Amino acid sequence: MSSEPRDTNVPGSGAGKAAGPGNTVSGAPAGGSQDPPEGLLEQRNAFVQTFFKKGAELTEELLREEARLRDRMLRLESENAQLRAQVASDDAIRDLLSRIDQLERDKRDLLSRIGNSHGDIERFSRRFAEIEEENARLASLYVASFQLHSTLELSGVVRHLRELLAQLVGAEAYALYVPDADGTLVPVVSEGVPPKDLPHVHSGVGPIGEAFADGHSQWTEGDPRAGTLEAPAACVPLRAADRSAGVIVILRTFEQKASFVDVDFELFKLLGVHGGAALAAARLFARHGLEIASVDAFRDLP
């Protein structure tokens, strides 16, 4: 089916006209470029404004995020520094606690050693006191023995006996009894008690006579400061050649002498042996004019 050709050159439409010099199409400039319609410009401007607005908002958001991250990083660095300091502090505390534990162990060890040393010191002190007491006892016995045998005069022996009884034994009231020709014990020396109050004693009668008869010392178990003639504080027989030469009667001791101790019993033994020998020797020398044995007396010795 054919159609008839239409005339495209409609008067006034401008269609089909060749663009010549000076001619414009729809009022376009002669240079050949055409400005976009006004609606497109508005859309483009709106798009550009929206684009830049979004970019600015995004940039601002990125800047805020960067600031937030930077602040977070600073807080993390501060927390990290605190944690490092805390770790260092914990290590120091652990070291300190370990050192304290070691010091406590050392302290317990030292206290144990000190306790042991105190025990040793106490033992040494007791032993030292015992040695000192033994030395004092030996010194007293030596002094007593030396004094008793330092003279052969009867008055000198009696004087030494009095000194020993007062200074070493602590006797305040005492008497020396010796047997007479009948064997009756007679007081010849006394101190702290009047001689008239001292009775004569028969051998084997009462504590004084019993001590003389059996040759064994007797002493009270109570307070020696309260002795009497009926119950003396001590009776010490003086022996010479296995025979009784007399009796030392201690009636009472000084106030500070509340009891007899070991050294007193040792002195009783020494006085009994050496005192009796010294008295017998002094009496013999007094009887024979202090003669010394001549060489003839040694010729018959075995």
C-alpha atoms as a PDB file:
ATOM      1  CA  MET A   1       0.000   0.000   0.000  1.00  0.00           C
ATOM      2  CA  SER A   2       1.571   3.206  -1.105  1.00  0.00           C
ATOM      3  CA  SER A   3       1.336   6.545   0.562  1.00  0.00           C
ATOM      4  CA  GLU A   4       1.615   9.814  -0.919  1.00  0.00           C
ATOM      5  CA  PRO A   5       4.690  11.884  -0.081  1.00  0.00           C
ATOM      6  CA  ARG A   6       4.091  14.513   2.474  1.00  0.00           C
ATOM      7  CA  ASP A   7       5.409  17.963   2.118  1.00  0.00           C
ATOM      8  CA  THR A   8       7.812  18.483   4.947  1.00  0.00           C
ATOM      9  CA  ASN A   9       8.359  22.069   4.112  1.00  0.00           C
ATOM     10  CA  VAL A  10       5.491  23.477   5.957  1.00  0.00           C
ATOM     11  CA  PRO A  11       5.527  27.254   5.943  1.00  0.00           C
ATOM     12  CA  GLY A  12       6.491  28.615   9.312  1.00  0.00           C
ATOM     13  CA  SER A  13       7.675  25.326  10.741  1.00  0.00           C
ATOM     14  CA  GLY A  14      11.272  25.828   9.716  1.00  0.00           C
ATOM     15  CA  ALA A  15      11.612  22.193   8.966  1.00  0.00           C
ATOM     16  CA  GLY A  16      13.549  21.187   5.915  1.00  0.00           C
ATOM     17  CA  LYS A  17      15.274  24.544   5.608  1.00  0.00           C
ATOM     18  CA  ALA A  18      18.975  24.521   5.246  1.00  0.00           C
ATOM     19  CA  ALA A  19      20.741  26.415   7.866  1.00  0.00           C
ATOM     20  CA  GLY A  20      22.514  29.201   6.197  1.00  0.00           C
ATOM     21  CA  PRO A  21      24.544  32.131   7.389  1.00  0.00           C
ATOM     22  CA  GLY A  22      22.609  34.208   9.805  1.00  0.00           C
ATOM     23  CA  ASN A  23      19.966  31.641  10.204  1.00  0.00           C
ATOM     24  CA  THR A  24      19.227  30.175  13.640  1.00  0.00           C
ATOM     25  CA  VAL A  25      17.266  27.288  14.751  1.00  0.00           C
ATOM     26  CA  SER A  26      14.821  27.974  17.549  1.00  0.00           C
ATOM     27  CA  GLY A  27      16.740  31.070  18.444  1.00  0.00           C
ATOM     28  CA  ALA A  28      20.106  29.183  18.890  1.00  0.00           C
ATOM     29  CA  PRO A  29      23.257  31.271  18.594  1.00  0.00           C
ATOM     30  CA  ALA A  30      24.996  31.410  15.324  1.00  0.00           C
ATOM     31  CA  GLY A  31      28.055  29.612  16.714  1.00  0.00           C
ATOM     32  CA  GLY A  32      26.277  26.241  16.534  1.00  0.00           C
ATOM     33  CA  SER A  33      26.142  25.430  20.400  1.00  0.00           C
ATOM     34  CA  GLN A  34      22.884  25.175  22.130  1.00  0.00           C
ATOM     35  CA  ASP A  35      22.242  25.934  25.862  1.00  0.00           C
ATOM     36  CA  PRO A  36      20.410  23.196  27.758  1.00  0.00           C
ATOM     37  CA  PRO A  37      16.954  23.904  28.702  1.00  0.00           C
ATOM     38  CA  GLU A  38      16.345  25.709  31.938  1.00  0.00           C
ATOM     39  CA  GLY A  39      14.905  22.613  33.625  1.00  0.00           C
ATOM     40  CA  LEU A  40      18.046  20.640  32.944  1.00  0.00           C
ATOM     41  CA  LEU A  41      20.184  23.370  34.484  1.00  0.00           C
ATOM     42  CA  GLU A  42      18.143  23.321  37.567  1.00  0.00           C
ATOM     43  CA  GLN A  43      18.356  19.555  37.793  1.00  0.00           C
ATOM     44  CA  ARG A  44      22.121  19.679  37.188  1.00  0.00           C
ATOM     45  CA  ASN A  45      22.609  22.360  39.798  1.00  0.00           C
ATOM     46  CA  ALA A  46      20.444  20.481  42.236  1.00  0.00           C
ATOM     47  CA  PHE A  47      22.411  17.302  41.556  1.00  0.00           C
ATOM     48  CA  VAL A  48      25.726  19.108  41.961  1.00  0.00           C
ATOM     49  CA  GLN A  49      24.553  20.727  45.164  1.00  0.00           C
ATOM     50  CA  THR A  50      23.290  17.422  46.467  1.00  0.00           C
ATOM     51  CA  PHE A  51      26.542  15.719  45.461  1.00  0.00           C
ATOM     52  CA  PHE A  52      28.701  18.282  47.158  1.00  0.00           C
ATOM     53  CA  LYS A  53      26.403  18.340  50.171  1.00  0.00           C
ATOM     54  CA  LYS A  54      26.654  14.578  50.484  1.00  0.00           C
ATOM     55  CA  GLY A  55      30.427  14.800  50.012  1.00  0.00           C
ATOM     56  CA  ALA A  56      30.653  17.497  52.664  1.00  0.00           C
ATOM     57  CA  GLU A  57      28.474  15.467  55.018  1.00  0.00           C
ATOM     58  CA  LEU A  58      30.560  12.376  54.326  1.00  0.00           C
ATOM     59  CA  THR A  59      33.749  14.345  54.870  1.00  0.00           C
ATOM     60  CA  GLU A  60      32.402  15.739  58.112  1.00  0.00           C
ATOM     61  CA  GLU A  61      31.353  12.246  59.158  1.00  0.00           C
ATOM     62  CA  LEU A  62      34.817  10.931  58.304  1.00  0.00           C
ATOM     63  CA  LEU A  63      36.409  13.751  60.264  1.00  0.00           C
ATOM     64  CA  ARG A  64      34.190  13.018  63.251  1.00  0.00           C
ATOM     65  CA  GLU A  65      34.983   9.313  62.975  1.00  0.00           C
ATOM     66  CA  GLU A  66      38.688  10.139  62.753  1.00  0.00           C
ATOM     67  CA  ALA A  67      38.419  12.329  65.841  1.00  0.00           C
ATOM     68  CA  ARG A  68      36.480   9.588  67.639  1.00  0.00           C
ATOM     69  CA  LEU A  69      39.059   6.988  66.608  1.00  0.00           C
ATOM     70  CA  ARG A  70      41.882   9.304  67.623  1.00  0.00           C
ATOM     71  CA  ASP A  71      40.227   9.837  71.015  1.00  0.00           C
ATOM     72  CA  ARG A  72      39.696   6.093  71.331  1.00  0.00           C
ATOM     73  CA  MET A  73      43.330   5.501  70.410  1.00  0.00           C
ATOM     74  CA  LEU A  74      44.448   7.978  73.078  1.00  0.00           C
ATOM     75  CA  ARG A  75      42.249   6.252  75.668  1.00  0.00           C
ATOM     76  CA  LEU A  76      43.610   2.864  74.599  1.00  0.00           C
ATOM     77  CA  GLU A  77      47.180   4.157  74.858  1.00  0.00           C
ATOM     78  CA  SER A  78      46.395   5.547  78.319  1.00  0.00           C
ATOM     79  CA  GLU A  79      44.783   2.259  79.344  1.00  0.00           C
ATOM     80  CA  ASN A  80      47.731   0.381  77.875  1.00  0.00           C
ATOM     81  CA  ALA A  81      50.141   2.547  79.837  1.00  0.00           C
ATOM     82  CA  GLN A  82      48.101   1.958  82.976  1.00  0.00           C
ATOM     83  CA  LEU A  83      48.079  -1.769  82.303  1.00  0.00           C
ATOM     84  CA  ARG A  84      51.833  -1.757  81.770  1.00  0.00           C
ATOM     85  CA  ALA A  85      52.253   0.188  85.011  1.00  0.00           C
ATOM     86  CA  GLN A  86      49.870  -2.215  86.739  1.00  0.00           C
ATOM     87  CA  VAL A  87      51.794  -5.204  85.407  1.00  0.00           C
ATOM     88  CA  ALA A  88      55.047  -3.640  86.550  1.00  0.00           C
ATOM     89  CA  SER A  89      53.459  -2.864  89.894  1.00  0.00           C
ATOM     90  CA  ASP A  90      52.115  -6.415  90.178  1.00  0.00           C
ATOM     91  CA  ASP A  91      55.563  -7.763  89.394  1.00  0.00           C
ATOM     92  CA  ALA A  92      57.046  -5.486  92.012  1.00  0.00           C
ATOM     93  CA  ILE A  93      54.381  -6.584  94.490  1.00  0.00           C
ATOM     94  CA  ARG A  94      55.038 -10.228  93.707  1.00  0.00           C
ATOM     95  CA  ASP A  95      58.754  -9.659  94.162  1.00  0.00           C
ATOM     96  CA  LEU A  96      58.052  -7.793  97.387  1.00  0.00           C
ATOM     97  CA  LEU A  97      55.766 -10.555  98.671  1.00  0.00           C
ATOM     98  CA  SER A  98      58.375 -13.143  97.752  1.00  0.00           C
ATOM     99  CA  ARG A  99      61.002 -11.120  99.578  1.00  0.00           C
ATOM    100  CA  ILE A 100      58.698 -10.789 102.588  1.00  0.00           C
ATOM    101  CA  ASP A 101      58.176 -14.562 102.631  1.00  0.00           C
ATOM    102  CA  GLN A 102      61.929 -15.081 102.516  1.00  0.00           C
ATOM    103  CA  LEU A 103      62.425 -12.565 105.312  1.00  0.00           C
ATOM    104  CA  GLU A 104      59.751 -14.324 107.371  1.00  0.00           C
ATOM    105  CA  ARG A 105      61.556 -17.628 106.876  1.00  0.00           C
ATOM    106  CA  ASP A 106      64.819 -15.994 107.833  1.00  0.00           C
ATOM    107  CA  LYS A 107      63.120 -14.453 110.866  1.00  0.00           C
ATOM    108  CA  ARG A 108      61.757 -17.830 111.991  1.00  0.00           C
ATOM    109  CA  ASP A 109      65.159 -19.382 111.477  1.00  0.00           C
ATOM    110  CA  LEU A 110      66.832 -16.618 113.486  1.00  0.00           C
ATOM    111  CA  LEU A 111      64.231 -16.897 116.242  1.00  0.00           C
ATOM    112  CA  SER A 112      64.819 -20.626 116.351  1.00  0.00           C
ATOM    113  CA  ARG A 113      68.547 -20.070 116.570  1.00  0.00           C
ATOM    114  CA  ILE A 114      68.053 -17.412 119.228  1.00  0.00           C
ATOM    115  CA  GLY A 115      65.848 -19.803 121.193  1.00  0.00           C
ATOM    116  CA  ASN A 116      68.479 -22.498 120.914  1.00  0.00           C
ATOM    117  CA  SER A 117      71.183 -20.023 121.862  1.00  0.00           C
ATOM    118  CA  HIS A 118      69.140 -18.929 124.864  1.00  0.00           C
ATOM    119  CA  GLY A 119      68.916 -22.555 125.898  1.00  0.00           C
ATOM    120  CA  ASP A 120      72.664 -22.899 125.448  1.00  0.00           C
ATOM    121  CA  ILE A 121      73.237 -19.675 127.368  1.00  0.00           C
ATOM    122  CA  GLU A 122      71.030 -20.896 130.197  1.00  0.00           C
ATOM    123  CA  ARG A 123      72.872 -24.211 130.280  1.00  0.00           C
ATOM    124  CA  PHE A 124      76.227 -22.457 130.174  1.00  0.00           C
ATOM    125  CA  SER A 125      75.064 -20.043 132.869  1.00  0.00           C
ATOM    126  CA  ARG A 126      73.938 -22.889 135.091  1.00  0.00           C
ATOM    127  CA  ARG A 127      77.163 -24.740 134.457  1.00  0.00           C
ATOM    128  CA  PHE A 128      79.172 -21.590 135.104  1.00  0.00           C
ATOM    129  CA  ALA A 129      77.269 -21.024 138.360  1.00  0.00           C
ATOM    130  CA  GLU A 130      77.930 -24.627 139.345  1.00  0.00           C
ATOM    131  CA  ILE A 131      81.627 -24.227 138.568  1.00  0.00           C
ATOM    132  CA  GLU A 132      81.723 -20.960 140.493  1.00  0.00           C
ATOM    133  CA  GLU A 133      80.002 -22.622 143.415  1.00  0.00           C
ATOM    134  CA  GLU A 134      82.404 -25.543 143.248  1.00  0.00           C
ATOM    135  CA  ASN A 135      85.366 -23.191 143.126  1.00  0.00           C
ATOM    136  CA  ALA A 136      83.995 -21.270 146.107  1.00  0.00           C
ATOM    137  CA  ARG A 137      83.506 -24.539 147.970  1.00  0.00           C
ATOM    138  CA  LEU A 138      87.008 -25.704 147.155  1.00  0.00           C
ATOM    139  CA  ALA A 139      88.399 -22.321 148.136  1.00  0.00           C
ATOM    140  CA  SER A 140      86.570 -22.468 151.449  1.00  0.00           C
ATOM    141  CA  LEU A 141      87.822 -25.976 152.126  1.00  0.00           C
ATOM    142  CA  TYR A 142      91.358 -24.997 151.187  1.00  0.00           C
ATOM    143  CA  VAL A 143      91.249 -21.949 153.468  1.00  0.00           C
ATOM    144  CA  ALA A 144      89.827 -24.008 156.315  1.00  0.00           C
ATOM    145  CA  SER A 145      92.408 -26.760 155.905  1.00  0.00           C
ATOM    146  CA  PHE A 146      95.285 -24.307 155.551  1.00  0.00           C
ATOM    147  CA  GLN A 147      94.288 -22.315 158.620  1.00  0.00           C
ATOM    148  CA  LEU A 148      93.796 -25.374 160.795  1.00  0.00           C
ATOM    149  CA  HIS A 149      97.264 -26.677 159.977  1.00  0.00           C
ATOM    150  CA  SER A 150      99.016 -23.303 159.825  1.00  0.00           C
ATOM    151  CA  THR A 151      99.869 -23.406 163.535  1.00  0.00           C
ATOM    152  CA  LEU A 152     100.668 -25.936 166.198  1.00  0.00           C
ATOM    153  CA  GLU A 153      99.689 -23.717 169.101  1.00  0.00           C
ATOM    154  CA  LEU A 154      96.461 -24.705 170.796  1.00  0.00           C
ATOM    155  CA  SER A 155      95.274 -21.108 171.041  1.00  0.00           C
ATOM    156  CA  GLY A 156      95.963 -20.638 167.324  1.00  0.00           C
ATOM    157  CA  VAL A 157      93.982 -23.740 166.364  1.00  0.00           C
ATOM    158  CA  VAL A 158      91.047 -22.641 168.544  1.00  0.00           C
ATOM    159  CA  ARG A 159      91.175 -19.152 167.034  1.00  0.00           C
ATOM    160  CA  HIS A 160      91.072 -20.577 163.519  1.00  0.00           C
ATOM    161  CA  LEU A 161      88.148 -22.815 164.473  1.00  0.00           C
ATOM    162  CA  ARG A 162      86.232 -19.793 165.728  1.00  0.00           C
ATOM    163  CA  GLU A 163      86.949 -17.857 162.525  1.00  0.00           C
ATOM    164  CA  LEU A 164      85.894 -20.752 160.303  1.00  0.00           C
ATOM    165  CA  LEU A 165      82.664 -21.305 162.210  1.00  0.00           C
ATOM    166  CA  ALA A 166      81.712 -17.636 162.031  1.00  0.00           C
ATOM    167  CA  GLN A 167      82.883 -16.753 158.522  1.00  0.00           C
ATOM    168  CA  LEU A 168      82.384 -19.950 156.524  1.00  0.00           C
ATOM    169  CA  VAL A 169      79.643 -21.826 158.358  1.00  0.00           C
ATOM    170  CA  GLY A 170      77.757 -18.746 159.531  1.00  0.00           C
ATOM    171  CA  ALA A 171      77.487 -19.844 163.168  1.00  0.00           C
ATOM    172  CA  GLU A 172      76.287 -17.138 165.525  1.00  0.00           C
ATOM    173  CA  ALA A 173      76.224 -19.216 168.718  1.00  0.00           C
ATOM    174  CA  TYR A 174      78.432 -22.262 169.143  1.00  0.00           C
ATOM    175  CA  ALA A 175      80.555 -24.190 171.650  1.00  0.00           C
ATOM    176  CA  LEU A 176      83.540 -26.544 171.614  1.00  0.00           C
ATOM    177  CA  TYR A 177      83.263 -29.607 173.850  1.00  0.00           C
ATOM    178  CA  VAL A 178      86.254 -31.823 174.709  1.00  0.00           C
ATOM    179  CA  PRO A 179      86.329 -34.889 176.974  1.00  0.00           C
ATOM    180  CA  ASP A 180      87.901 -34.729 180.425  1.00  0.00           C
ATOM    181  CA  ALA A 181      89.715 -37.584 182.142  1.00  0.00           C
ATOM    182  CA  ASP A 182      86.393 -39.270 182.996  1.00  0.00           C
ATOM    183  CA  GLY A 183      85.143 -39.045 179.399  1.00  0.00           C
ATOM    184  CA  THR A 184      82.600 -36.348 180.218  1.00  0.00           C
ATOM    185  CA  LEU A 185      82.252 -33.659 177.568  1.00  0.00           C
ATOM    186  CA  VAL A 186      83.120 -30.235 178.943  1.00  0.00           C
ATOM    187  CA  PRO A 187      82.573 -26.904 177.098  1.00  0.00           C
ATOM    188  CA  VAL A 188      85.917 -25.118 176.750  1.00  0.00           C
ATOM    189  CA  VAL A 189      85.075 -22.456 174.149  1.00  0.00           C
ATOM    190  CA  SER A 190      81.753 -20.737 173.443  1.00  0.00           C
ATOM    191  CA  GLU A 191      80.360 -17.843 171.411  1.00  0.00           C
ATOM    192  CA  GLY A 192      76.913 -16.285 171.589  1.00  0.00           C
ATOM    193  CA  VAL A 193      75.918 -18.200 174.699  1.00  0.00           C
ATOM    194  CA  PRO A 194      77.102 -17.718 178.326  1.00  0.00           C
ATOM    195  CA  PRO A 195      79.459 -20.501 179.494  1.00  0.00           C
ATOM    196  CA  LYS A 196      77.363 -20.989 182.636  1.00  0.00           C
ATOM    197  CA  ASP A 197      74.408 -22.010 180.460  1.00  0.00           C
ATOM    198  CA  LEU A 198      76.376 -24.826 178.818  1.00  0.00           C
ATOM    199  CA  PRO A 199      75.962 -28.124 180.623  1.00  0.00           C
ATOM    200  CA  HIS A 200      78.406 -30.994 180.803  1.00  0.00           C
ATOM    201  CA  VAL A 201      77.373 -33.890 178.589  1.00  0.00           C
ATOM    202  CA  HIS A 202      77.967 -37.611 178.970  1.00  0.00           C
ATOM    203  CA  SER A 203      79.024 -39.629 175.935  1.00  0.00           C
ATOM    204  CA  GLY A 204      76.066 -41.124 174.136  1.00  0.00           C
ATOM    205  CA  VAL A 205      73.518 -38.863 175.845  1.00  0.00           C
ATOM    206  CA  GLY A 206      71.568 -36.370 173.788  1.00  0.00           C
ATOM    207  CA  PRO A 207      72.557 -35.137 170.320  1.00  0.00           C
ATOM    208  CA  ILE A 208      75.946 -33.875 171.555  1.00  0.00           C
ATOM    209  CA  GLY A 209      76.851 -37.122 173.344  1.00  0.00           C
ATOM    210  CA  GLU A 210      75.574 -39.232 170.427  1.00  0.00           C
ATOM    211  CA  ALA A 211      77.689 -37.328 167.907  1.00  0.00           C
ATOM    212  CA  PHE A 212      80.767 -37.798 170.110  1.00  0.00           C
ATOM    213  CA  ALA A 213      80.055 -41.503 170.653  1.00  0.00           C
ATOM    214  CA  ASP A 214      79.353 -42.635 167.081  1.00  0.00           C
ATOM    215  CA  GLY A 215      81.589 -40.072 165.302  1.00  0.00           C
ATOM    216  CA  HIS A 216      78.904 -38.933 162.833  1.00  0.00           C
ATOM    217  CA  SER A 217      77.793 -35.355 162.280  1.00  0.00           C
ATOM    218  CA  GLN A 218      74.202 -34.426 163.066  1.00  0.00           C
ATOM    219  CA  TRP A 219      72.206 -31.404 161.915  1.00  0.00           C
ATOM    220  CA  THR A 220      68.660 -30.166 162.014  1.00  0.00           C
ATOM    221  CA  GLU A 221      66.380 -30.454 159.004  1.00  0.00           C
ATOM    222  CA  GLY A 222      64.580 -27.256 159.980  1.00  0.00           C
ATOM    223  CA  ASP A 223      65.680 -23.677 160.392  1.00  0.00           C
ATOM    224  CA  PRO A 224      69.243 -23.612 161.808  1.00  0.00           C
ATOM    225  CA  ARG A 225      68.618 -20.105 163.161  1.00  0.00           C
ATOM    226  CA  ALA A 226      66.309 -21.491 165.840  1.00  0.00           C
ATOM    227  CA  GLY A 227      68.567 -24.160 167.395  1.00  0.00           C
ATOM    228  CA  THR A 228      68.753 -24.803 171.141  1.00  0.00           C
ATOM    229  CA  LEU A 229      70.922 -26.807 173.533  1.00  0.00           C
ATOM    230  CA  GLU A 230      68.356 -29.603 173.460  1.00  0.00           C
ATOM    231  CA  ALA A 231      68.179 -29.509 169.645  1.00  0.00           C
ATOM    232  CA  PRO A 232      71.328 -27.829 168.256  1.00  0.00           C
ATOM    233  CA  ALA A 233      71.494 -26.747 164.633  1.00  0.00           C
ATOM    234  CA  ALA A 234      74.472 -29.097 164.109  1.00  0.00           C
ATOM    235  CA  CYS A 235      76.909 -31.293 166.050  1.00  0.00           C
ATOM    236  CA  VAL A 236      80.247 -32.030 164.386  1.00  0.00           C
ATOM    237  CA  PRO A 237      82.526 -34.601 166.096  1.00  0.00           C
ATOM    238  CA  LEU A 238      86.272 -33.945 165.892  1.00  0.00           C
ATOM    239  CA  ARG A 239      88.166 -37.113 164.988  1.00  0.00           C
ATOM    240  CA  ALA A 240      91.840 -37.954 165.422  1.00  0.00           C
ATOM    241  CA  ALA A 241      93.278 -41.419 164.695  1.00  0.00           C
ATOM    242  CA  ASP A 242      89.726 -42.856 164.510  1.00  0.00           C
ATOM    243  CA  ARG A 243      88.977 -41.499 167.963  1.00  0.00           C
ATOM    244  CA  SER A 244      86.710 -38.638 168.965  1.00  0.00           C
ATOM    245  CA  ALA A 245      88.695 -35.654 170.249  1.00  0.00           C
ATOM    246  CA  GLY A 246      85.744 -33.347 170.862  1.00  0.00           C
ATOM    247  CA  VAL A 247      82.495 -31.977 169.428  1.00  0.00           C
ATOM    248  CA  ILE A 248      81.690 -28.657 167.804  1.00  0.00           C
ATOM    249  CA  VAL A 249      78.121 -27.713 168.733  1.00  0.00           C
ATOM    250  CA  ILE A 250      76.464 -25.078 166.502  1.00  0.00           C
ATOM    251  CA  LEU A 251      73.504 -23.785 168.461  1.00  0.00           C
ATOM    252  CA  ARG A 252      72.162 -21.332 165.872  1.00  0.00           C
ATOM    253  CA  THR A 253      73.251 -19.525 162.731  1.00  0.00           C
ATOM    254  CA  PHE A 254      73.139 -15.884 161.720  1.00  0.00           C
ATOM    255  CA  GLU A 255      69.854 -14.404 160.470  1.00  0.00           C
ATOM    256  CA  GLN A 256      70.969 -14.518 156.819  1.00  0.00           C
ATOM    257  CA  LYS A 257      71.872 -18.210 157.136  1.00  0.00           C
ATOM    258  CA  ALA A 258      68.426 -19.758 156.667  1.00  0.00           C
ATOM    259  CA  SER A 259      69.627 -23.290 155.866  1.00  0.00           C
ATOM    260  CA  PHE A 260      72.690 -25.444 155.478  1.00  0.00           C
ATOM    261  CA  VAL A 261      73.952 -26.048 151.931  1.00  0.00           C
ATOM    262  CA  ASP A 262      76.337 -28.536 150.356  1.00  0.00           C
ATOM    263  CA  VAL A 263      79.439 -26.530 151.165  1.00  0.00           C
ATOM    264  CA  ASP A 264      78.441 -26.561 154.845  1.00  0.00           C
ATOM    265  CA  PHE A 265      78.321 -30.341 154.897  1.00  0.00           C
ATOM    266  CA  GLU A 266      81.723 -30.442 153.205  1.00  0.00           C
ATOM    267  CA  LEU A 267      83.021 -28.076 155.883  1.00  0.00           C
ATOM    268  CA  PHE A 268      81.561 -30.310 158.597  1.00  0.00           C
ATOM    269  CA  LYS A 269      83.566 -33.220 157.186  1.00  0.00           C
ATOM    270  CA  LEU A 270      86.731 -31.128 156.932  1.00  0.00           C
ATOM    271  CA  LEU A 271      86.361 -29.724 160.438  1.00  0.00           C
ATOM    272  CA  GLY A 272      85.722 -33.185 161.782  1.00  0.00           C
ATOM    273  CA  VAL A 273      88.917 -34.632 160.278  1.00  0.00           C
ATOM    274  CA  HIS A 274      91.335 -31.711 160.103  1.00  0.00           C
ATOM    275  CA  GLY A 275      90.008 -29.908 163.177  1.00  0.00           C
ATOM    276  CA  GLY A 276      90.411 -33.019 165.308  1.00  0.00           C
ATOM    277  CA  ALA A 277      93.903 -33.670 163.943  1.00  0.00           C
ATOM    278  CA  ALA A 278      94.915 -30.033 164.485  1.00  0.00           C
ATOM    279  CA  LEU A 279      93.664 -30.084 168.098  1.00  0.00           C
ATOM    280  CA  ALA A 280      95.414 -33.379 168.854  1.00  0.00           C
ATOM    281  CA  ALA A 281      98.663 -32.169 167.285  1.00  0.00           C
ATOM    282  CA  ALA A 282      98.507 -28.866 169.166  1.00  0.00           C
ATOM    283  CA  ARG A 283      97.887 -30.655 172.492  1.00  0.00           C
ATOM    284  CA  LEU A 284     100.787 -33.055 171.857  1.00  0.00           C
ATOM    285  CA  PHE A 285     103.157 -30.248 170.929  1.00  0.00           C
ATOM    286  CA  ALA A 286     102.012 -28.248 173.933  1.00  0.00           C
ATOM    287  CA  ARG A 287     102.645 -31.245 176.186  1.00  0.00           C
ATOM    288  CA  HIS A 288     106.109 -31.992 174.768  1.00  0.00           C
ATOM    289  CA  GLY A 289     107.314 -28.417 174.454  1.00  0.00           C
ATOM    290  CA  LEU A 290     106.937 -28.159 170.673  1.00  0.00           C
ATOM    291  CA  GLU A 291     109.717 -30.654 170.071  1.00  0.00           C
ATOM    292  CA  ILE A 292     110.425 -31.745 166.502  1.00  0.00           C
ATOM    293  CA  ALA A 293     111.051 -35.419 165.921  1.00  0.00           C
ATOM    294  CA  SER A 294     114.797 -36.166 165.687  1.00  0.00           C
ATOM    295  CA  VAL A 295     116.405 -38.371 163.076  1.00  0.00           C
ATOM    296  CA  ASP A 296     116.374 -41.284 165.508  1.00  0.00           C
ATOM    297  CA  ALA A 297     112.583 -41.369 165.321  1.00  0.00           C
ATOM    298  CA  PHE A 298     112.741 -42.251 161.612  1.00  0.00           C
ATOM    299  CA  ARG A 299     115.243 -45.133 161.871  1.00  0.00           C
ATOM    300  CA  ASP A 300     112.690 -47.737 162.860  1.00  0.00           C
ATOM    301  CA  LEU A 301     110.282 -46.819 160.044  1.00  0.00           C
ATOM    302  CA  PRO A 302     109.638 -49.641 157.514  1.00  0.00           C
END
